[in-house]
Protein backbone atom coordinates (compact mmCIF):
# COMPACT_ATOMS: atom_id res chain seq x y z
CA MET A 1 106.19 -43.83 -11.45
CA ILE A 2 104.27 -46.77 -9.97
CA LEU A 3 106.17 -48.90 -7.46
CA GLU A 4 105.24 -51.67 -5.05
CA LYS A 5 105.76 -51.77 -1.31
CA GLU A 6 105.00 -54.07 1.58
CA TYR A 7 101.61 -54.20 3.26
CA ILE A 8 102.41 -53.52 6.93
CA ARG A 9 100.26 -56.13 8.64
CA GLU A 10 101.17 -55.11 12.16
CA ARG A 11 99.78 -51.63 11.56
CA ALA A 12 96.53 -53.04 10.21
CA VAL A 13 96.18 -55.14 13.36
CA LEU A 14 97.03 -52.24 15.68
CA TYR A 15 94.30 -50.19 14.06
CA ALA A 16 91.83 -53.10 14.14
CA ARG A 17 92.32 -53.64 17.85
CA LYS A 18 91.99 -49.94 18.67
CA TYR A 19 88.78 -49.40 16.70
CA ALA A 20 87.05 -52.77 17.01
CA LEU A 21 84.88 -51.58 19.89
CA VAL A 22 84.82 -47.83 19.22
CA ARG A 23 84.58 -45.72 16.06
CA ASN A 24 87.20 -43.53 14.42
CA PRO A 25 85.67 -40.04 14.05
CA LEU A 26 87.32 -39.67 10.64
CA PHE A 27 84.84 -42.14 9.16
CA PHE A 28 81.05 -42.32 9.16
CA SER A 29 79.60 -45.42 10.80
CA PHE A 30 77.06 -47.36 8.74
CA ALA A 31 75.93 -49.48 11.68
CA GLY A 32 72.17 -49.78 11.55
CA ILE A 33 71.87 -48.81 7.87
CA GLY A 34 73.43 -51.84 6.25
CA GLY A 35 76.37 -52.58 8.51
CA ASN A 36 79.84 -51.22 9.23
CA CYS A 37 81.98 -54.34 8.85
CA THR A 38 83.52 -53.69 5.43
CA ASN A 39 83.96 -50.00 6.19
CA PHE A 40 85.93 -51.01 9.29
CA VAL A 41 88.10 -53.54 7.47
CA SER A 42 88.81 -51.02 4.71
CA GLN A 43 90.09 -48.64 7.38
CA CYS A 44 92.32 -51.38 8.79
CA VAL A 45 93.79 -52.20 5.38
CA LEU A 46 94.33 -48.50 4.73
CA ALA A 47 96.27 -48.26 8.00
CA GLY A 48 98.58 -50.97 6.68
CA SER A 49 98.89 -49.56 3.17
CA CYS A 50 98.23 -45.79 3.15
CA VAL A 51 97.18 -45.82 -0.50
CA MET A 52 93.69 -45.44 -1.93
CA ASN A 53 92.60 -45.98 -5.52
CA TYR A 54 90.46 -43.07 -6.73
CA THR A 55 89.33 -44.68 -9.98
CA PRO A 56 85.63 -43.83 -10.44
CA ILE A 57 83.24 -46.77 -9.90
CA TYR A 58 85.92 -49.46 -9.70
CA GLY A 59 88.40 -47.91 -7.25
CA TRP A 60 88.71 -48.15 -3.46
CA PHE A 61 88.51 -44.87 -1.58
CA TYR A 62 86.73 -42.86 1.10
CA LEU A 63 86.51 -39.06 1.09
CA SER A 64 83.19 -38.59 2.88
CA THR A 65 79.89 -40.34 3.47
CA ASN A 66 78.73 -39.61 -0.06
CA ARG A 67 82.12 -39.59 -1.77
CA ARG A 68 83.36 -43.13 -1.50
CA SER A 69 83.64 -46.20 -3.65
CA ALA A 70 81.23 -49.12 -3.39
CA SER A 71 84.24 -51.33 -2.62
CA TRP A 72 84.96 -49.37 0.56
CA THR A 73 81.74 -50.52 2.25
CA GLY A 74 80.22 -53.34 0.17
CA VAL A 75 81.15 -56.97 0.81
CA GLU A 76 81.14 -58.18 -2.81
CA PHE A 77 82.61 -54.95 -4.19
CA PHE A 78 85.46 -55.18 -1.66
CA TYR A 79 86.26 -58.71 -2.76
CA ASN A 80 86.18 -57.79 -6.45
CA PHE A 81 88.51 -54.85 -5.97
CA PHE A 82 91.11 -56.69 -3.93
CA THR A 83 91.23 -59.78 -6.11
CA GLN A 84 91.20 -57.86 -9.42
CA ASN A 85 93.06 -54.61 -8.71
CA THR A 86 95.89 -54.00 -11.19
CA GLY A 87 96.30 -50.32 -10.35
CA VAL A 88 97.46 -48.40 -7.29
CA GLY A 89 96.40 -49.39 -3.81
CA PRO A 90 96.50 -52.69 -1.94
CA PHE A 91 95.96 -55.85 -3.96
CA GLY A 92 95.42 -59.47 -3.04
CA ALA A 93 94.33 -62.91 -4.12
CA PRO A 94 92.01 -65.67 -2.93
CA SER A 95 93.69 -67.88 -0.35
CA THR A 96 93.01 -70.47 2.35
CA LEU A 97 92.92 -70.43 6.13
CA GLU A 98 96.09 -72.53 6.18
CA GLN A 99 97.97 -69.82 4.27
CA ALA A 100 96.35 -66.83 5.98
CA GLN A 101 98.37 -64.24 7.90
CA ILE A 102 97.49 -61.45 10.30
CA GLY A 103 96.08 -58.49 8.40
CA ASP A 104 94.42 -60.74 5.85
CA VAL A 105 90.67 -60.53 5.33
CA ILE A 106 87.96 -63.17 5.72
CA GLN A 107 84.41 -62.96 4.38
CA LEU A 108 81.65 -65.20 5.73
CA GLN A 109 78.87 -66.78 3.69
CA ASN A 110 75.37 -67.73 4.86
CA ASP A 111 73.18 -70.71 3.95
CA GLU A 112 71.72 -68.81 0.98
CA GLY A 113 75.16 -68.50 -0.59
CA ILE A 114 75.50 -64.78 0.16
CA PHE A 115 78.75 -63.37 1.54
CA TYR A 116 77.49 -61.06 4.24
CA HIS A 117 80.31 -60.24 6.68
CA THR A 118 83.89 -58.94 6.34
CA ILE A 119 86.41 -59.45 9.18
CA ILE A 120 90.18 -59.07 9.59
CA ILE A 121 92.65 -61.51 11.14
CA SER A 122 94.29 -60.05 14.24
CA GLU A 123 96.12 -63.11 15.60
CA ILE A 124 96.92 -66.72 14.78
CA ARG A 125 97.84 -68.77 17.82
CA ASP A 126 97.92 -72.51 18.54
CA GLY A 127 96.01 -73.29 15.37
CA GLU A 128 93.22 -70.82 16.14
CA ILE A 129 92.48 -67.71 14.08
CA TYR A 130 91.32 -64.61 15.95
CA ILE A 131 89.58 -61.71 14.27
CA CYS A 132 88.45 -58.12 14.79
CA ALA A 133 85.22 -56.79 13.34
CA ASN A 134 82.43 -54.23 13.47
CA SER A 135 78.72 -55.03 13.26
CA ASN A 136 78.82 -57.10 15.43
CA ASP A 137 81.84 -55.68 17.23
CA ALA A 138 84.58 -58.19 17.99
CA LEU A 139 88.05 -57.83 19.49
CA ASP A 140 90.29 -60.88 19.02
CA ARG A 141 87.26 -63.17 18.71
CA PRO A 142 87.97 -66.80 17.75
CA LEU A 143 86.86 -67.50 14.20
CA SER A 144 85.60 -70.89 15.41
CA SER A 145 82.94 -69.12 17.49
CA TYR A 146 81.09 -67.90 14.38
CA ASN A 147 78.24 -69.72 12.69
CA TYR A 148 78.56 -69.62 8.91
CA ALA A 149 78.07 -71.88 5.91
CA ASN A 150 81.35 -71.10 4.16
CA LEU A 151 84.10 -68.50 3.98
CA ARG A 152 86.71 -67.05 1.69
CA VAL A 153 90.11 -65.56 2.49
CA ILE A 154 91.68 -62.55 0.79
CA HIS A 155 95.45 -62.59 1.17
CA ILE A 156 96.89 -59.08 0.80
CA LEU A 157 99.94 -59.41 -1.44
CA GLY A 158 101.24 -55.86 -1.40
CA VAL A 159 100.59 -52.23 -2.26
CA ARG A 160 101.18 -50.25 -5.42
CA TYR A 161 101.72 -46.51 -5.11
CA ASP A 162 102.49 -43.47 -7.23
CA THR A 163 105.80 -41.92 -6.19
CA ARG A 164 104.41 -38.42 -6.83
CA PHE A 165 102.16 -38.60 -3.79
CA GLN A 166 102.65 -38.81 -0.04
CA ILE A 167 102.10 -42.37 1.18
CA GLU A 168 102.53 -42.13 4.97
CA CYS A 169 99.23 -41.96 6.86
CA PHE A 170 99.29 -44.30 9.83
CA ASP A 171 99.79 -41.76 12.62
CA SER A 172 96.97 -39.50 11.42
CA LEU A 173 94.64 -42.48 11.03
CA TYR A 174 95.51 -44.20 14.28
CA SER A 175 95.37 -41.07 16.43
CA PRO A 176 93.45 -38.38 14.53
CA PRO A 177 93.82 -34.89 15.98
CA LEU A 178 90.85 -33.68 17.98
CA PRO A 179 89.12 -30.51 16.78
CA PRO A 180 89.76 -27.46 18.97
CA VAL A 181 87.14 -26.81 21.61
CA ALA A 182 86.21 -23.17 22.11
CA PRO A 183 85.63 -22.03 25.71
CA PRO A 184 81.97 -21.35 26.52
CA GLU A 185 80.91 -17.75 26.25
CA GLU A 186 79.99 -15.99 29.44
CA PRO A 187 76.32 -14.89 29.37
CA GLN A 188 75.77 -11.16 29.41
CA GLU A 189 74.09 -9.56 32.40
CA ASN A 190 70.36 -10.27 32.47
CA GLU A 191 70.81 -12.68 29.55
CA THR A 192 69.49 -16.22 29.76
CA PRO A 193 72.15 -18.80 28.76
CA ALA A 194 71.37 -20.49 25.47
CA GLN A 195 70.15 -24.06 25.65
CA PRO A 196 72.41 -26.65 23.93
CA GLU A 197 71.30 -27.98 20.57
CA ASN A 198 70.26 -31.58 20.25
CA GLU A 199 73.15 -33.83 19.37
CA GLN A 200 73.24 -35.39 15.93
CA SER A 201 73.99 -39.08 15.61
CA ALA A 202 75.33 -38.70 12.07
CA PRO A 203 77.04 -36.02 9.98
CA PRO A 204 74.59 -33.54 8.42
CA GLU A 205 74.92 -35.11 5.00
CA GLN A 206 72.58 -36.99 2.73
CA GLN A 207 72.33 -40.72 3.05
CA PRO A 208 75.07 -42.51 1.09
CA THR A 209 74.41 -43.37 -2.54
CA ASN A 210 76.93 -46.21 -2.53
CA PRO A 211 75.91 -49.40 -0.72
CA PRO A 212 77.20 -50.05 2.80
CA ASP A 213 77.86 -53.60 3.90
CA SER A 214 75.29 -55.80 2.25
CA GLU A 215 73.19 -58.39 4.01
CA GLU A 216 74.81 -57.81 7.40
CA GLN A 217 73.59 -60.57 9.73
CA THR A 218 74.26 -61.64 13.27
CA PRO A 219 76.77 -64.49 13.03
């Protein structure tokens, strides 16, 4: 059975503020290879909804670097999913800054008419909208401090979910458990301790086939 529930905006904002300046190890960071802004906002919306849509091609989901929907990381694909979704998962509609609420999403457009940056509203105070973002990282940054040609607002209306599946995820997203750390082995007598391997900056997977944030630019 498919039911609807509330999008918990406060949880989306809590997550946004925690991971605006650092990265959640549960998700690959696309910074430097297209941008991480939409990936970050998708995580925030997931924290407030706890439902993905696993429909091939047109859904909204993240399983790994190479197993994710284009809408999870792509600016235009994100907009299309949220404004057209009739299935499970969060759904929304185009809106205005005057009607925006915390947890809603804003996308910025450049002079060429391209929407290039996805950000999430973290606070509205004294007529000013504050946002959180990745690429470039921002924690409660005033929207008025950005340079952009135009913008669009996605108002999250609610969340549809299948009652057959577990829908609570916030705690595991917000504070993911750390992997166990094994104690170092003691070197045997007359044995030279092994040198540590070089650290990897990304998971040992192939580059993603779905597009990350498109046309990420410095606002």
